Amino acid sequence: MKLYLDSADVTALTPLIRTGLFAGVTTNPLILRRAGLSQQDVGELVGSLTALGAAQVFVQTTGASVDRLVEEAREITSLGEHVVAKIPATRAGFAATRTLAGSGVPVLITAVYHARQALLARAAGAWGIAPYVGRMTDAGRGGLAQVAMMQRILHGSPTRVLAASIRSADVVCELAELDVHSVTISTAVADELFEDELTARAVEEFAAASRG
């Protein structure tokens, strides 16, 4: 499973990216706003993240029409071969993805809330889908069960699952058990992955023993 970081806060991202354990960073307009950024800051942000070592950066489109989505996605991916465009799972979004995929432009279909959207993403030739696990569960749809169904629908195709809206490190492990290709997590959940009280206690015991 590949681990991505879902944030645009360079200060919080820096120590995590530098571990070398995370494959890249995902963003969207809400995440940009929380970091005090806008779409106009994307180019500079991408440069900062790749300089830190992020191998991939995902940037979301904001248009509504097929033509505008295609145009935005091309602008986004022109920032570098390591940049992937995110397009929401709308009728226009799937149509734009089909056009982009036909010319080799990778697209991550985002805001996925139902397994039927995996069918459309596969037909469109999407690079991947980003199901919102926690939000699906909040809506009574059973996020993990939906992701398991998406996995079965996409089996044998190049379209992969990059799960998002993940609330805890335990959910990351459950998704790994489902053989999900990738997850994107907040910096808080990423920090939680590193924490274990029993490990911390053992390290303290080792340190005490080494001091005699």
Protein backbone atom coordinates (compact mmCIF):
# COMPACT_ATOMS: atom_id res chain seq x y z
CA MET A 1 0.00 0.00 0.00
CA LYS A 2 1.22 3.49 -0.88
CA LEU A 3 0.77 6.21 1.72
CA TYR A 4 -0.03 9.78 0.72
CA LEU A 5 -0.48 12.89 2.84
CA ASP A 6 -3.69 14.90 2.51
CA SER A 7 -2.58 18.43 3.34
CA ALA A 8 -1.21 21.68 1.94
CA ASP A 9 0.46 22.77 5.19
CA VAL A 10 4.13 22.66 4.23
CA THR A 11 5.28 23.08 7.84
CA ALA A 12 3.31 20.01 8.97
CA LEU A 13 4.20 18.03 5.85
CA THR A 14 7.95 18.62 5.94
CA PRO A 15 9.00 16.16 8.70
CA LEU A 16 6.68 13.47 7.34
CA ILE A 17 7.83 13.74 3.72
CA ARG A 18 11.44 13.66 4.88
CA THR A 19 10.93 10.21 6.43
CA GLY A 20 10.81 8.88 2.87
CA LEU A 21 7.76 6.78 3.76
CA PHE A 22 5.11 8.77 1.92
CA ALA A 23 4.60 8.60 -1.84
CA GLY A 24 3.29 12.12 -2.22
CA VAL A 25 0.67 14.70 -1.32
CA THR A 26 -3.00 15.15 -2.22
CA THR A 27 -4.79 18.50 -2.15
CA ASN A 28 -8.18 20.00 -2.93
CA PRO A 29 -9.63 23.51 -2.69
CA LEU A 30 -10.75 23.00 0.93
CA ILE A 31 -7.31 21.77 1.95
CA LEU A 32 -5.69 24.72 0.21
CA ARG A 33 -7.99 27.14 2.02
CA ARG A 34 -7.23 25.59 5.42
CA ALA A 35 -3.55 26.22 4.72
CA GLY A 36 -4.24 29.83 3.76
CA LEU A 37 -3.66 29.14 0.06
CA SER A 38 -5.68 29.44 -3.15
CA GLN A 39 -5.56 27.92 -6.63
CA GLN A 40 -3.14 30.70 -7.61
CA ASP A 41 -0.62 29.29 -5.11
CA VAL A 42 -0.64 25.77 -6.58
CA GLY A 43 2.44 26.15 -8.76
CA GLU A 44 4.58 27.37 -5.88
CA LEU A 45 3.16 24.69 -3.58
CA VAL A 46 3.96 21.92 -6.06
CA GLY A 47 7.51 23.23 -6.35
CA SER A 48 7.94 23.28 -2.57
CA LEU A 49 6.57 19.76 -2.13
CA THR A 50 8.68 18.20 -4.87
CA ALA A 51 11.76 19.95 -3.49
CA LEU A 52 11.02 18.24 -0.16
CA GLY A 53 10.86 14.86 -1.89
CA ALA A 54 7.18 14.30 -2.74
CA ALA A 55 7.19 11.99 -5.75
CA GLN A 56 3.59 12.81 -6.70
CA VAL A 57 1.30 15.77 -6.06
CA PHE A 58 -2.44 15.72 -6.75
CA VAL A 59 -4.23 18.98 -7.58
CA GLN A 60 -7.98 19.31 -8.05
CA THR A 61 -9.88 21.03 -10.82
CA THR A 62 -12.68 23.48 -9.99
CA GLY A 63 -14.56 23.82 -13.30
CA ALA A 64 -18.07 22.60 -14.06
CA SER A 65 -18.13 21.98 -17.81
CA VAL A 66 -16.35 19.20 -19.66
CA ASP A 67 -14.28 21.66 -21.67
CA ARG A 68 -13.23 23.64 -18.61
CA LEU A 69 -12.30 20.48 -16.68
CA VAL A 70 -10.18 19.23 -19.57
CA GLU A 71 -8.47 22.62 -19.85
CA GLU A 72 -7.76 22.80 -16.10
CA ALA A 73 -6.48 19.23 -15.95
CA ARG A 74 -4.03 19.95 -18.76
CA GLU A 75 -2.85 23.10 -16.97
CA ILE A 76 -2.37 21.15 -13.75
CA THR A 77 -0.44 18.29 -15.31
CA SER A 78 1.74 20.75 -17.25
CA LEU A 79 3.32 21.57 -13.86
CA GLY A 80 5.33 18.35 -14.15
CA GLU A 81 5.14 14.65 -14.91
CA HIS A 82 4.75 14.00 -11.19
CA VAL A 83 1.50 16.02 -10.98
CA VAL A 84 -1.88 14.26 -11.27
CA ALA A 85 -5.18 16.06 -11.83
CA LYS A 86 -8.14 15.33 -9.56
CA ILE A 87 -11.64 15.65 -11.03
CA PRO A 88 -14.88 15.17 -9.04
CA ALA A 89 -17.15 12.22 -9.85
CA THR A 90 -19.78 14.15 -11.83
CA ARG A 91 -21.21 13.46 -15.27
CA ALA A 92 -18.97 16.18 -16.71
CA GLY A 93 -16.05 14.83 -14.68
CA PHE A 94 -16.30 11.32 -16.10
CA ALA A 95 -16.65 12.66 -19.65
CA ALA A 96 -13.61 14.91 -19.18
CA THR A 97 -11.65 11.99 -17.77
CA ARG A 98 -12.44 9.88 -20.85
CA THR A 99 -11.11 12.67 -23.09
CA LEU A 100 -7.98 13.15 -20.97
CA ALA A 101 -7.26 9.44 -20.63
CA GLY A 102 -7.39 9.15 -24.41
CA SER A 103 -4.42 11.50 -24.65
CA GLY A 104 -2.49 9.95 -21.77
CA VAL A 105 -3.34 12.47 -19.04
CA PRO A 106 -3.69 10.77 -15.62
CA VAL A 107 -6.82 11.62 -13.65
CA LEU A 108 -7.86 10.72 -10.12
CA ILE A 109 -11.67 10.74 -9.83
CA THR A 110 -12.41 12.24 -6.42
CA ALA A 111 -15.41 12.65 -4.10
CA VAL A 112 -16.43 9.05 -4.79
CA TYR A 113 -19.30 7.92 -2.57
CA HIS A 114 -20.68 4.77 -4.20
CA ALA A 115 -19.32 1.66 -5.90
CA ARG A 116 -21.25 2.45 -9.11
CA GLN A 117 -18.89 5.40 -9.58
CA ALA A 118 -16.03 2.89 -9.79
CA LEU A 119 -17.76 1.39 -12.84
CA LEU A 120 -17.81 4.79 -14.55
CA ALA A 121 -14.20 5.54 -13.60
CA ARG A 122 -13.09 2.23 -15.08
CA ALA A 123 -15.00 2.95 -18.29
CA ALA A 124 -13.43 6.41 -18.43
CA GLY A 125 -9.91 5.04 -18.07
CA ALA A 126 -9.18 6.94 -14.87
CA TRP A 127 -5.78 6.56 -13.19
CA GLY A 128 -7.67 5.99 -9.96
CA ILE A 129 -10.61 6.81 -7.71
CA ALA A 130 -10.64 8.47 -4.29
CA PRO A 131 -13.52 7.06 -2.23
CA TYR A 132 -14.35 9.08 0.90
CA VAL A 133 -14.34 6.26 3.44
CA GLY A 134 -15.25 8.17 6.59
CA ARG A 135 -17.86 10.32 4.88
CA MET A 136 -19.52 7.28 3.31
CA THR A 137 -19.76 5.69 6.73
CA ASP A 138 -21.19 8.92 8.18
CA ALA A 139 -23.87 8.80 5.47
CA GLY A 140 -24.79 5.22 6.42
CA ARG A 141 -23.20 3.61 3.37
CA GLY A 142 -20.51 1.57 5.14
CA GLY A 143 -17.28 3.01 3.81
CA LEU A 144 -15.17 -0.12 4.11
CA ALA A 145 -17.83 -2.32 2.50
CA GLN A 146 -18.16 0.13 -0.39
CA VAL A 147 -14.39 0.17 -0.89
CA ALA A 148 -14.30 -3.63 -0.88
CA MET A 149 -16.95 -3.62 -3.64
CA MET A 150 -14.95 -1.02 -5.60
CA GLN A 151 -11.90 -3.25 -5.34
CA ARG A 152 -13.83 -6.12 -6.89
CA ILE A 153 -15.26 -3.92 -9.66
CA LEU A 154 -11.83 -2.57 -10.57
CA HIS A 155 -10.03 -5.92 -10.38
CA GLY A 156 -8.06 -6.53 -13.56
CA SER A 157 -8.18 -2.89 -14.68
CA PRO A 158 -5.43 -0.25 -14.35
CA THR A 159 -7.78 2.00 -12.34
CA ARG A 160 -6.76 1.86 -8.69
CA VAL A 161 -8.25 2.89 -5.35
CA LEU A 162 -6.66 5.76 -3.42
CA ALA A 163 -8.84 5.87 -0.32
CA ALA A 164 -9.46 9.23 1.38
CA SER A 165 -11.42 10.64 4.32
CA ILE A 166 -9.68 8.32 6.77
CA ARG A 167 -10.22 9.05 10.44
CA SER A 168 -7.72 6.78 12.20
CA ALA A 169 -4.63 4.63 11.80
CA ASP A 170 -6.77 1.54 12.46
CA VAL A 171 -8.82 2.28 9.33
CA VAL A 172 -5.58 2.48 7.33
CA CYS A 173 -4.79 -1.06 8.48
CA GLU A 174 -8.29 -2.28 7.58
CA LEU A 175 -7.89 -0.82 4.09
CA ALA A 176 -4.49 -2.50 3.77
CA GLU A 177 -6.20 -5.82 4.60
CA LEU A 178 -8.53 -5.17 1.66
CA ASP A 179 -5.40 -4.81 -0.54
CA VAL A 180 -6.26 -1.20 -1.38
CA HIS A 181 -3.56 0.32 -3.61
CA SER A 182 -3.16 3.64 -1.77
CA VAL A 183 -4.52 5.81 1.02
CA THR A 184 -4.23 9.51 1.68
CA ILE A 185 -4.29 10.63 5.28
CA SER A 186 -4.12 13.81 7.30
CA THR A 187 -0.86 14.69 9.02
CA ALA A 188 -2.60 13.88 12.34
CA VAL A 189 -3.42 10.33 11.22
CA ALA A 190 0.10 9.99 9.79
CA ASP A 191 1.53 10.91 13.20
CA GLU A 192 -0.80 8.33 14.79
CA LEU A 193 0.73 5.60 12.60
CA PHE A 194 4.06 6.18 14.33
CA GLU A 195 2.66 6.06 17.87
CA ASP A 196 2.33 3.03 20.10
CA GLU A 197 2.45 3.21 23.88
CA LEU A 198 3.92 -0.28 24.27
CA THR A 199 6.73 0.51 21.84
CA ALA A 200 7.39 3.77 23.68
CA ARG A 201 7.53 1.91 27.00
CA ALA A 202 9.93 -0.67 25.58
CA VAL A 203 12.22 2.08 24.26
CA GLU A 204 12.26 3.68 27.70
CA GLU A 205 13.20 0.33 29.24
CA PHE A 206 16.00 -0.14 26.68
CA ALA A 207 17.33 3.34 27.45
CA ALA A 208 17.24 2.69 31.18
CA ALA A 209 19.06 -0.63 30.73
CA SER A 210 21.75 1.00 28.57
CA ARG A 211 22.47 3.49 31.37
CA GLY A 212 23.15 0.60 33.72
